[in-house]
Protein backbone atom coordinates (compact mmCIF):
# COMPACT_ATOMS: atom_id res chain seq x y z
CA MET A 1 13.78 26.99 31.53
CA ASN A 2 14.61 28.78 28.03
CA LEU A 3 12.84 30.08 25.11
CA PRO A 4 12.94 27.41 22.38
CA ASN A 5 12.15 25.14 25.49
CA LYS A 6 9.08 27.08 25.95
CA ILE A 7 7.71 27.03 22.39
CA THR A 8 7.86 23.98 22.41
CA LEU A 9 5.33 23.39 25.10
CA SER A 10 3.58 25.54 23.38
CA ARG A 11 2.73 23.41 21.08
CA ILE A 12 1.93 20.64 23.27
CA MET A 13 -0.93 22.59 24.95
CA LEU A 14 -1.93 23.27 21.74
CA VAL A 15 -3.02 19.98 21.24
CA PRO A 16 -6.18 19.83 23.40
CA ILE A 17 -6.94 23.17 21.64
CA LEU A 18 -6.95 21.65 18.65
CA MET A 19 -9.60 18.84 19.11
CA VAL A 20 -11.78 20.34 20.43
CA PHE A 21 -12.10 22.18 17.21
CA ILE A 22 -12.49 18.85 15.18
CA ILE A 23 -14.20 16.94 17.31
CA PRO A 24 -17.89 18.17 18.72
CA ILE A 25 -18.99 17.33 21.68
CA PRO A 26 -20.97 14.08 22.09
CA GLU A 27 -24.61 13.37 21.90
CA SER A 28 -24.58 11.46 25.49
CA ILE A 29 -22.62 13.80 26.68
CA ILE A 30 -25.82 16.40 25.47
CA ASN A 31 -28.30 14.54 25.95
CA ALA A 32 -27.47 13.45 29.97
CA GLY A 33 -29.70 14.32 32.14
CA PHE A 34 -27.65 16.01 34.77
CA LEU A 35 -26.31 18.47 31.92
CA SER A 36 -29.81 19.54 30.43
CA PHE A 37 -29.42 23.05 31.29
CA MET A 38 -26.58 22.96 29.06
CA LYS A 39 -27.84 21.08 26.17
CA PRO A 40 -28.69 24.59 24.12
CA GLN A 41 -25.04 26.42 24.73
CA MET A 42 -23.73 22.76 23.88
CA LEU A 43 -25.63 22.33 20.58
CA ALA A 44 -24.79 26.45 19.62
CA VAL A 45 -20.86 25.18 20.22
CA ASN A 46 -21.65 21.92 18.03
CA ASP A 47 -23.31 24.45 15.89
CA PHE A 48 -20.38 26.17 15.95
CA LEU A 49 -17.97 23.49 15.05
CA ALA A 50 -19.82 22.49 12.22
CA SER A 51 -19.51 25.25 10.79
CA PHE A 52 -16.10 26.92 11.40
CA GLY A 53 -14.06 24.62 13.96
CA ARG A 54 -12.79 22.74 10.85
CA TYR A 55 -10.96 26.40 10.10
CA VAL A 56 -10.18 26.96 13.13
CA ALA A 57 -8.34 23.99 13.66
CA ALA A 58 -6.30 23.92 10.24
CA GLY A 59 -4.65 27.85 11.76
CA ILE A 60 -3.90 26.49 14.95
CA PHE A 61 -2.06 23.37 13.46
CA ILE A 62 -0.15 25.20 10.95
CA ILE A 63 1.02 27.64 13.50
CA ALA A 64 1.38 24.75 15.74
CA SER A 65 3.75 23.12 13.25
CA SER A 66 5.83 25.90 12.16
CA THR A 67 6.25 26.58 15.91
CA ASP A 68 8.80 22.49 15.21
CA ALA A 69 11.11 25.01 12.82
CA VAL A 70 10.97 28.27 14.80
CA ASP A 71 12.20 26.76 18.35
CA GLY A 72 15.02 24.45 16.85
CA TYR A 73 16.36 27.41 14.69
CA ILE A 74 16.31 29.50 17.59
CA ALA A 75 17.56 27.10 20.08
CA ARG A 76 20.91 26.38 17.85
CA LYS A 77 21.17 30.03 16.66
CA ARG A 78 21.46 30.90 20.62
CA LYS A 79 23.43 27.62 21.90
CA LEU A 80 19.96 26.85 23.91
CA VAL A 81 20.43 23.06 22.62
CA THR A 82 18.86 21.50 25.80
CA ARG A 83 18.50 17.53 27.04
CA PHE A 84 14.83 18.41 28.07
CA GLY A 85 14.41 19.83 24.81
CA LYS A 86 15.75 17.01 22.88
CA PHE A 87 13.76 14.75 24.97
CA LEU A 88 10.18 17.38 24.24
CA ASP A 89 10.71 18.36 20.73
CA PRO A 90 9.81 15.10 19.02
CA ILE A 91 7.59 14.47 21.50
CA ALA A 92 5.01 17.15 20.68
CA ASP A 93 5.49 16.97 16.77
CA LYS A 94 4.19 13.29 17.07
CA LEU A 95 1.38 14.40 19.57
CA LEU A 96 -0.22 16.80 17.71
CA VAL A 97 0.23 14.83 14.24
CA THR A 98 -1.40 11.89 16.18
CA ALA A 99 -3.94 14.10 17.65
CA ALA A 100 -4.95 15.32 14.26
CA LEU A 101 -4.64 11.49 12.81
CA LEU A 102 -6.84 10.33 15.60
CA ALA A 103 -10.07 13.14 15.23
CA LEU A 104 -10.49 13.16 11.31
CA VAL A 105 -10.34 9.22 12.31
CA GLN A 106 -12.96 9.78 14.44
CA ASN A 107 -14.69 11.66 12.26
CA GLY A 108 -14.66 9.86 9.00
CA ASP A 109 -11.87 11.81 7.05
CA ILE A 110 -9.62 9.47 6.44
CA ASN A 111 -9.37 5.50 6.78
CA GLY A 112 -8.08 4.36 9.60
CA TRP A 113 -5.21 2.44 8.48
CA ILE A 114 -3.80 5.72 7.08
CA ALA A 115 -3.30 6.85 11.12
CA MET A 116 -2.08 3.84 12.08
CA ILE A 117 0.75 3.82 9.20
CA ILE A 118 1.83 7.17 10.13
CA ILE A 119 1.61 6.70 13.74
CA SER A 120 3.32 3.41 13.89
CA ARG A 121 5.95 4.21 11.65
CA GLU A 122 7.09 6.79 14.74
CA PHE A 123 6.50 4.56 17.30
CA ILE A 124 9.11 1.87 15.19
CA VAL A 125 11.61 5.15 14.58
CA THR A 126 11.94 5.88 18.02
CA GLY A 127 12.50 2.42 19.25
CA LEU A 128 15.18 2.39 16.65
CA ARG A 129 16.48 5.60 18.39
CA LEU A 130 16.21 4.68 21.49
CA VAL A 131 18.09 1.29 20.51
CA ALA A 132 21.36 3.47 18.75
CA ALA A 133 21.44 6.49 21.98
CA GLY A 134 22.41 2.84 24.16
CA GLU A 135 24.93 2.34 22.14
CA GLY A 136 26.04 5.78 22.00
CA ILE A 137 24.69 6.44 18.28
CA VAL A 138 22.52 9.29 16.99
CA ILE A 139 20.66 9.16 14.35
CA ALA A 140 19.61 11.78 13.02
CA ALA A 141 16.66 13.08 11.33
CA SER A 142 17.14 12.88 6.92
CA ASN A 143 16.07 14.39 4.08
CA LEU A 144 13.16 11.90 2.98
CA GLY A 145 12.15 12.05 6.99
CA LYS A 146 11.86 16.16 6.88
CA LEU A 147 9.68 15.47 3.64
CA LYS A 148 7.54 13.21 5.27
CA THR A 149 6.20 15.51 8.21
CA VAL A 150 5.83 18.58 4.98
CA LEU A 151 4.08 15.86 2.76
CA GLN A 152 1.74 14.97 6.22
CA ASP A 153 1.18 18.56 8.18
CA ILE A 154 -0.39 19.78 3.93
CA ALA A 155 -2.09 16.52 3.70
CA ILE A 156 -3.70 16.52 6.96
CA VAL A 157 -4.11 20.86 6.86
CA ALA A 158 -6.30 19.52 3.08
CA ALA A 159 -8.21 16.86 5.24
CA LEU A 160 -9.03 19.63 8.25
CA LEU A 161 -9.95 22.33 5.17
CA ASN A 162 -12.18 19.83 3.31
CA ASN A 163 -10.09 21.08 0.17
CA PHE A 164 -10.89 24.93 0.41
CA PRO A 165 -9.85 26.84 -1.20
CA ILE A 166 -9.03 24.18 -4.22
CA SER A 167 -13.15 23.20 -3.86
CA LEU A 168 -13.69 26.54 -5.11
CA PHE A 169 -12.36 25.79 -8.30
CA THR A 170 -12.05 22.10 -9.06
CA SER A 171 -13.84 19.15 -7.56
CA PHE A 172 -10.61 17.41 -7.96
CA PRO A 173 -10.24 15.69 -4.36
CA PHE A 174 -6.61 17.03 -3.35
CA ASP A 175 -6.95 15.60 -0.24
CA ASP A 176 -6.59 12.43 -0.66
CA TYR A 177 -4.14 12.48 -3.07
CA ALA A 178 -2.22 14.40 -0.33
CA MET A 179 -2.55 11.97 1.68
CA PHE A 180 -1.99 8.96 -0.01
CA LEU A 181 1.63 10.51 -0.98
CA ALA A 182 2.19 11.39 2.21
CA VAL A 183 1.83 7.66 3.54
CA VAL A 184 3.25 6.03 0.88
CA VAL A 185 6.55 8.63 1.08
CA THR A 186 5.96 7.57 5.50
CA VAL A 187 6.61 3.81 4.44
CA TYR A 188 9.80 4.68 2.25
CA SER A 189 11.10 6.50 4.54
CA LEU A 190 10.81 4.05 7.39
CA TYR A 191 12.49 1.48 4.47
CA ASP A 192 15.13 4.10 4.44
CA TYR A 193 15.68 4.33 7.95
CA ILE A 194 15.76 0.41 8.74
CA LYS A 195 17.98 0.25 5.63
CA LYS A 196 20.60 2.61 7.31
CA ASN A 197 20.62 1.87 10.84
CA LEU A 198 20.78 -2.00 10.43
CA ASN A 199 23.47 -2.54 12.43
CA VAL A 200 21.96 -0.88 14.81
CA ILE A 201 19.33 -3.32 15.01
CA ASN A 202 22.06 -5.80 14.85
CA VAL A 203 23.72 -4.71 17.89
CA PHE A 204 20.31 -5.24 19.33
CA ASN A 205 20.07 -8.92 18.97
């Protein structure tokens, strides 16, 4: 396995670690009788997560999302582009964003509709690309799609950090506005993909 694919795999392996630091241990598990001997330790873990977990999760998300550009650059620079890498890279990206969104929804930080819209867009575009690939057509990532990714990443990090360090200076809800902008661009990028590739859908029909 080449270096770019190893980097992509590392991004996937960071996904469950990211969720561990966002989502506390459920009370049902903490209060389970057969785990009573571990209750003090689990409560201590939840205390740590309440104080520092979100900051650690934000750091993990930033590192993981940054590797997306790194593995692609190395693959192109060293001519290490493989079918496995093409298959794995978009999966890693979608898993990372989906995990972060679902964890934020579970914690009540964002509305479930936000996660639904963003995740649905990825399903639709992926389906469109699969149909296109079956016809020998390659749908490349657009600049609008790249902007969508950047805005989503910024909004997710802001939500994870509860607007820190902006919150030290103002009560302006940067995370809410960033997430709203990310959703708007996400929807528009979907419209743009469909509009530019209507011929693919017509072939499918």
